[in-house]
Amino acid sequence: MTHTGATAAPVLTPARRALGVGLAVASGVAVAAQSRVNGELGVRLQDGIAAALVSFGVGLMVLAVLVPALPGGRRGLRMLRRALTEGTLRPWQCLGGLCGALLVATQGLTVGVLGVAVFTVTVVAGQSASSLVVDRFGIGPGGAQPVTGARLAGAVLTVLAVLLAVGDRLADPAALALAALPLLAGLAVAWQQAVNGRVGIAAGSVLTATLVNFAVGTVGLLVVFLVDLALRGRPGGAFPAEPWLYVGGPIGIVFIAIAAAVVRFTGVLLLGLATISGQVLGAVAMDVVFPTAATQPGPRTLLGTALTLVAVLIAALGSRR
């Protein structure tokens, strides 16, 4: 597969890879928090699409003010326009925000029913599988990376580790049909991370790439929301008064910006596995700090969390080109 305007793959030094993995783990913690926030907002509004639109809309407003106000942001917009005009960046490579919109929408649609446990398992399964394919065909800015035994083992071990961590909290089997949505979102996340990385390189600005992601995602969600509004009417819930329920968008900015910045040094698979580790660590931390009867972390959860870190280490050792 040929990608117009592909840049030379960067030198994957151990220091760069370690920094990228550390930042990816931190962004995974943010994703765990975002899932809680957007899931609760979807329950309050009684409409997961509306919750996703609010989340993306808030993030877009923040970026619409921030990016033009910064010299690097304005320069990034000019470079992005030039890359699209010259054909070094294809228009379809700017559509990663649609995948992000799908992920956020599934948070609002399914977390309230499935719980964070099943949601995490299905997203992880889809993301781990698609990351191998995305890396193999060089869709991301880091170029093609072979499916080595260590990378494959890391992906499989991550899925098993998360299953172990949340296996004692799986939802009612009757609700598992809903798990198809986060599974599809997980498949899409790897492609999103890859193309957002290309946009960031073409624009020379991570914030510009993040703005493109949020703009595209917001437009996509708005179209879906208007169709849903025409078919089903207004959401049954009311906008909650708690400010923390509206921070999902800013959290998403952190996640998208970090992913766009480090994917060229980690590859899509390692980025995804490190993010997954952060998600599990973040979920366990929140369960410890804000425990409920259904989310008390037990030995299986802690063992699964440790196993995800081992999986990332295995994949990292197998990611040397």
Protein backbone atom coordinates (compact mmCIF):
# COMPACT_ATOMS: atom_id res chain seq x y z
CA MET A 1 0.00 0.00 0.00
CA THR A 2 1.42 3.40 -1.02
CA HIS A 3 0.85 6.57 0.96
CA THR A 4 1.52 9.85 -0.73
CA GLY A 5 3.73 12.17 1.25
CA ALA A 6 5.04 9.53 3.61
CA THR A 7 7.93 10.80 5.66
CA ALA A 8 11.04 8.85 6.50
CA ALA A 9 10.59 6.73 9.59
CA PRO A 10 12.20 8.36 12.65
CA VAL A 11 15.07 6.76 14.52
CA LEU A 12 13.45 4.67 17.26
CA THR A 13 15.97 5.21 20.05
CA PRO A 14 15.29 3.57 23.44
CA ALA A 15 14.90 7.00 25.07
CA ARG A 16 12.28 8.12 22.57
CA ARG A 17 10.41 4.84 22.82
CA ALA A 18 10.44 4.96 26.63
CA LEU A 19 9.19 8.56 26.69
CA GLY A 20 6.48 7.72 24.17
CA VAL A 21 5.33 4.71 26.18
CA GLY A 22 5.25 6.73 29.40
CA LEU A 23 3.14 9.47 27.82
CA ALA A 24 0.84 6.86 26.26
CA VAL A 25 0.27 5.23 29.66
CA ALA A 26 -0.62 8.65 31.08
CA SER A 27 -3.08 9.24 28.24
CA GLY A 28 -4.65 5.84 28.97
CA VAL A 29 -5.36 6.97 32.52
CA ALA A 30 -7.11 9.98 30.99
CA VAL A 31 -9.20 7.70 28.75
CA ALA A 32 -10.37 5.72 31.79
CA ALA A 33 -11.52 8.96 33.41
CA GLN A 34 -13.19 10.07 30.18
CA SER A 35 -15.15 6.81 29.96
CA ARG A 36 -16.53 7.38 33.45
CA VAL A 37 -17.45 11.00 32.70
CA ASN A 38 -19.07 10.44 29.31
CA GLY A 39 -20.83 7.27 30.49
CA GLU A 40 -22.41 9.17 33.37
CA LEU A 41 -23.33 12.10 31.10
CA GLY A 42 -25.04 9.68 28.71
CA VAL A 43 -27.08 8.24 31.58
CA ARG A 44 -28.10 11.70 32.78
CA LEU A 45 -29.09 12.89 29.30
CA GLN A 46 -30.61 9.50 28.46
CA ASP A 47 -28.91 9.81 25.08
CA GLY A 48 -25.38 8.58 24.33
CA ILE A 49 -25.17 10.48 21.02
CA ALA A 50 -26.07 13.76 22.73
CA ALA A 51 -23.45 13.09 25.42
CA ALA A 52 -20.80 12.44 22.77
CA LEU A 53 -21.76 15.62 20.90
CA VAL A 54 -21.45 17.65 24.10
CA SER A 55 -18.05 16.10 24.84
CA PHE A 56 -16.68 16.76 21.35
CA GLY A 57 -18.31 20.20 21.17
CA VAL A 58 -16.66 21.37 24.41
CA GLY A 59 -13.28 20.09 23.21
CA LEU A 60 -13.72 21.81 19.84
CA MET A 61 -14.54 25.15 21.49
CA VAL A 62 -11.38 24.95 23.61
CA LEU A 63 -9.22 24.17 20.56
CA ALA A 64 -10.93 26.76 18.36
CA VAL A 65 -9.74 29.42 20.80
CA LEU A 66 -6.36 27.90 21.66
CA VAL A 67 -4.96 26.96 18.23
CA PRO A 68 -5.41 30.34 16.45
CA ALA A 69 -4.08 32.12 19.53
CA LEU A 70 -0.72 30.33 19.36
CA PRO A 71 1.91 31.06 16.68
CA GLY A 72 2.56 27.34 16.28
CA GLY A 73 -1.14 26.70 15.83
CA ARG A 74 -1.53 29.34 13.12
CA ARG A 75 1.57 28.04 11.36
CA GLY A 76 0.20 24.52 11.61
CA LEU A 77 -3.05 25.54 9.93
CA ARG A 78 -1.12 27.09 7.05
CA MET A 79 1.10 24.03 6.68
CA LEU A 80 -1.94 21.74 6.79
CA ARG A 81 -3.64 23.70 4.01
CA ARG A 82 -0.47 23.56 1.91
CA ALA A 83 -0.09 19.80 2.48
CA LEU A 84 -3.66 19.20 1.33
CA THR A 85 -3.23 21.47 -1.68
CA GLU A 86 0.02 19.84 -2.75
CA GLY A 87 -1.32 16.34 -2.15
CA THR A 88 1.31 15.32 0.40
CA LEU A 89 -1.60 14.72 2.78
CA ARG A 90 -4.75 13.06 1.49
CA PRO A 91 -8.19 14.32 2.63
CA TRP A 92 -9.13 10.85 3.93
CA GLN A 93 -6.18 11.01 6.29
CA CYS A 94 -7.95 13.88 8.08
CA LEU A 95 -10.99 11.77 8.99
CA GLY A 96 -9.61 10.19 12.15
CA GLY A 97 -12.05 12.27 14.18
CA LEU A 98 -14.92 10.09 12.94
CA CYS A 99 -13.32 7.14 14.73
CA GLY A 100 -12.88 9.21 17.88
CA ALA A 101 -16.53 10.24 17.66
CA LEU A 102 -17.51 6.57 17.45
CA LEU A 103 -15.47 5.76 20.57
CA VAL A 104 -16.96 8.63 22.59
CA ALA A 105 -20.47 7.80 21.38
CA THR A 106 -20.09 4.19 22.50
CA GLN A 107 -19.00 5.42 25.93
CA GLY A 108 -22.29 7.27 26.33
CA LEU A 109 -24.35 4.49 24.74
CA THR A 110 -22.94 1.41 26.45
CA VAL A 111 -20.97 2.16 29.63
CA GLY A 112 -24.16 2.74 31.60
CA VAL A 113 -25.43 -0.72 30.58
CA LEU A 114 -22.29 -2.79 30.13
CA GLY A 115 -20.16 -1.14 32.79
CA VAL A 116 -16.57 -0.04 32.35
CA ALA A 117 -15.38 -3.66 32.61
CA VAL A 118 -17.01 -5.08 29.49
CA PHE A 119 -16.52 -1.80 27.63
CA THR A 120 -12.77 -1.93 28.28
CA VAL A 121 -12.43 -5.59 27.29
CA THR A 122 -14.16 -5.13 23.94
CA VAL A 123 -12.30 -1.94 23.03
CA VAL A 124 -9.00 -3.60 23.95
CA ALA A 125 -9.76 -6.64 21.81
CA GLY A 126 -10.58 -4.55 18.75
CA GLN A 127 -7.68 -2.13 19.23
CA SER A 128 -5.07 -4.84 19.72
CA ALA A 129 -6.11 -6.69 16.56
CA SER A 130 -6.38 -3.64 14.31
CA SER A 131 -3.10 -2.14 15.58
CA LEU A 132 -1.20 -5.10 14.16
CA VAL A 133 -2.79 -4.57 10.75
CA VAL A 134 -2.29 -0.80 10.76
CA ASP A 135 1.39 -1.18 11.66
CA ARG A 136 1.91 -3.96 9.14
CA PHE A 137 0.71 -1.82 6.23
CA GLY A 138 2.49 1.35 7.40
CA ILE A 139 -0.60 3.53 7.69
CA GLY A 140 0.95 5.47 10.57
CA PRO A 141 3.84 7.94 10.27
CA GLY A 142 6.35 5.44 11.67
CA GLY A 143 6.21 3.35 8.50
CA ALA A 144 5.54 -0.37 8.14
CA GLN A 145 6.45 -2.56 11.12
CA PRO A 146 6.48 -6.36 10.85
CA VAL A 147 4.22 -8.57 12.92
CA THR A 148 6.96 -10.17 15.02
CA GLY A 149 6.34 -12.92 17.52
CA ALA A 150 6.94 -10.54 20.42
CA ARG A 151 4.49 -7.95 19.10
CA LEU A 152 1.82 -10.60 18.48
CA ALA A 153 2.42 -12.10 21.93
CA GLY A 154 2.12 -8.64 23.50
CA ALA A 155 -1.22 -8.03 21.80
CA VAL A 156 -2.65 -11.42 22.80
CA LEU A 157 -1.32 -11.13 26.35
CA THR A 158 -2.90 -7.69 26.73
CA VAL A 159 -6.35 -9.01 25.85
CA LEU A 160 -5.92 -11.93 28.27
CA ALA A 161 -4.66 -9.59 31.01
CA VAL A 162 -7.62 -7.25 30.74
CA LEU A 163 -10.01 -10.23 30.70
CA LEU A 164 -8.36 -11.42 33.89
CA ALA A 165 -8.52 -7.97 35.46
CA VAL A 166 -12.24 -7.45 34.85
CA GLY A 167 -13.43 -11.04 34.50
CA ASP A 168 -15.17 -11.02 37.88
CA ARG A 169 -17.18 -7.92 36.92
CA LEU A 170 -18.60 -8.88 33.54
CA ALA A 171 -22.14 -7.64 33.00
CA ASP A 172 -25.27 -9.71 32.40
CA PRO A 173 -24.68 -11.91 29.32
CA ALA A 174 -27.99 -10.65 27.92
CA ALA A 175 -26.40 -7.22 27.53
CA LEU A 176 -23.29 -8.45 25.71
CA ALA A 177 -24.87 -7.80 22.29
CA LEU A 178 -24.17 -4.13 22.98
CA ALA A 179 -20.46 -5.00 23.18
CA ALA A 180 -20.34 -5.01 19.36
CA LEU A 181 -20.29 -1.19 19.45
CA PRO A 182 -17.15 -0.74 21.59
CA LEU A 183 -15.53 -3.63 19.69
CA LEU A 184 -16.06 -1.69 16.45
CA ALA A 185 -14.78 1.46 18.16
CA GLY A 186 -11.65 -0.39 19.25
CA LEU A 187 -11.02 -1.50 15.68
CA ALA A 188 -11.32 2.12 14.57
CA VAL A 189 -9.07 3.62 17.27
CA ALA A 190 -5.86 2.20 15.79
CA TRP A 191 -6.61 3.73 12.38
CA GLN A 192 -7.44 7.04 14.08
CA GLN A 193 -4.12 7.13 15.92
CA ALA A 194 -2.24 6.35 12.70
CA VAL A 195 -3.82 9.03 10.50
CA ASN A 196 -3.81 11.67 13.25
CA GLY A 197 -0.07 11.10 13.53
CA ARG A 198 0.27 11.81 9.80
CA VAL A 199 -1.79 14.99 10.12
CA GLY A 200 0.40 16.14 13.01
CA ILE A 201 3.56 15.65 10.96
CA ALA A 202 2.13 17.37 7.88
CA ALA A 203 0.99 20.35 9.98
CA GLY A 204 4.08 20.39 12.18
CA SER A 205 1.71 20.83 15.13
CA VAL A 206 0.05 18.31 17.43
CA LEU A 207 -2.59 20.86 18.45
CA THR A 208 -3.53 21.46 14.82
CA ALA A 209 -3.96 17.72 14.30
CA THR A 210 -6.10 17.58 17.43
CA LEU A 211 -8.25 20.48 16.17
CA VAL A 212 -8.83 18.65 12.88
CA ASN A 213 -9.79 15.51 14.82
CA PHE A 214 -12.33 17.34 16.96
CA ALA A 215 -13.76 19.35 14.07
CA VAL A 216 -14.36 16.27 11.93
CA GLY A 217 -15.73 14.28 14.86
CA THR A 218 -18.10 17.07 15.92
CA VAL A 219 -19.50 17.43 12.40
CA GLY A 220 -20.04 13.66 12.19
CA LEU A 221 -21.76 13.52 15.57
CA LEU A 222 -23.93 16.53 14.74
CA VAL A 223 -25.23 14.84 11.59
CA VAL A 224 -26.01 11.63 13.52
CA PHE A 225 -27.65 13.61 16.34
CA LEU A 226 -29.90 15.53 13.93
CA VAL A 227 -31.02 12.30 12.28
CA ASP A 228 -31.66 10.74 15.69
CA LEU A 229 -33.54 13.89 16.76
CA ALA A 230 -35.81 13.67 13.72
CA LEU A 231 -36.53 9.98 14.34
CA ARG A 232 -36.83 9.80 18.13
CA GLY A 233 -37.29 13.37 19.33
CA ARG A 234 -35.43 15.19 22.08
CA PRO A 235 -33.42 13.30 24.72
CA GLY A 236 -35.44 12.42 27.80
CA GLY A 237 -32.87 13.67 30.31
CA ALA A 238 -31.80 17.16 31.35
CA PHE A 239 -28.35 18.76 31.31
CA PRO A 240 -26.76 18.09 34.72
CA ALA A 241 -25.45 20.92 36.85
CA GLU A 242 -22.19 19.25 37.90
CA PRO A 243 -19.27 20.85 35.97
CA TRP A 244 -17.16 17.66 36.06
CA LEU A 245 -19.58 15.95 33.69
CA TYR A 246 -18.45 18.31 30.90
CA VAL A 247 -14.70 17.69 31.08
CA GLY A 248 -14.75 14.68 28.73
CA GLY A 249 -13.83 16.90 25.78
CA PRO A 250 -10.75 18.49 27.39
CA ILE A 251 -9.64 15.01 28.53
CA GLY A 252 -9.98 13.88 24.93
CA ILE A 253 -7.72 16.74 23.82
CA VAL A 254 -4.96 15.38 26.04
CA PHE A 255 -5.39 11.85 24.73
CA ILE A 256 -5.52 12.78 21.03
CA ALA A 257 -2.60 15.21 21.30
CA ILE A 258 -0.35 12.69 23.04
CA ALA A 259 -1.23 9.94 20.57
CA ALA A 260 -0.55 12.18 17.56
CA ALA A 261 2.79 13.23 19.05
CA VAL A 262 4.25 9.85 20.02
CA VAL A 263 2.84 7.38 17.47
CA ARG A 264 5.77 7.99 15.11
CA PHE A 265 8.18 6.80 17.80
CA THR A 266 6.16 3.89 19.23
CA GLY A 267 4.18 2.54 16.32
CA VAL A 268 0.43 2.04 16.55
CA LEU A 269 0.53 -1.32 18.35
CA LEU A 270 2.89 -0.26 21.16
CA LEU A 271 0.99 3.02 21.54
CA GLY A 272 -2.25 1.09 21.87
CA LEU A 273 -0.87 -1.40 24.39
CA ALA A 274 0.64 1.36 26.54
CA THR A 275 -2.66 3.25 26.42
CA ILE A 276 -4.49 0.08 27.47
CA SER A 277 -2.15 -0.28 30.45
CA GLY A 278 -2.97 3.27 31.47
CA GLN A 279 -6.68 2.57 31.14
CA VAL A 280 -6.48 -0.44 33.44
CA LEU A 281 -4.23 1.38 35.93
CA GLY A 282 -6.57 4.37 35.89
CA ALA A 283 -9.64 2.21 36.39
CA VAL A 284 -8.03 0.41 39.35
CA ALA A 285 -6.92 3.74 40.86
CA MET A 286 -10.42 5.19 40.56
CA ASP A 287 -11.91 2.05 42.08
CA VAL A 288 -9.53 2.39 45.04
CA VAL A 289 -10.10 6.12 45.54
CA PHE A 290 -13.83 6.06 44.77
CA PRO A 291 -14.87 2.48 45.61
CA THR A 292 -18.37 1.11 45.21
CA ALA A 293 -19.81 -2.27 46.05
CA ALA A 294 -19.45 -3.34 42.41
CA THR A 295 -15.95 -2.03 41.78
CA GLN A 296 -13.83 -3.17 44.69
CA PRO A 297 -10.51 -4.20 43.05
CA GLY A 298 -9.57 -7.73 44.07
CA PRO A 299 -6.48 -9.89 43.50
CA ARG A 300 -7.54 -10.80 39.95
CA THR A 301 -7.85 -7.14 39.03
CA LEU A 302 -4.44 -6.30 40.43
CA LEU A 303 -2.84 -9.34 38.76
CA GLY A 304 -4.39 -8.43 35.43
CA THR A 305 -3.11 -4.88 35.76
CA ALA A 306 0.43 -6.13 36.34
CA LEU A 307 0.09 -8.49 33.36
CA THR A 308 -0.81 -5.62 31.02
CA LEU A 309 2.46 -3.91 31.94
CA VAL A 310 4.35 -7.12 31.14
CA ALA A 311 2.58 -7.28 27.77
CA VAL A 312 3.67 -3.74 26.91
CA LEU A 313 7.26 -4.59 27.85
CA ILE A 314 7.21 -7.66 25.59
CA ALA A 315 5.80 -5.66 22.68
CA ALA A 316 8.32 -2.87 23.25
CA LEU A 317 11.23 -5.30 23.10
CA GLY A 318 9.77 -6.71 19.89
CA SER A 319 9.27 -3.28 18.29
CA ARG A 320 12.90 -2.65 17.38
CA ARG A 321 13.09 -2.27 13.58
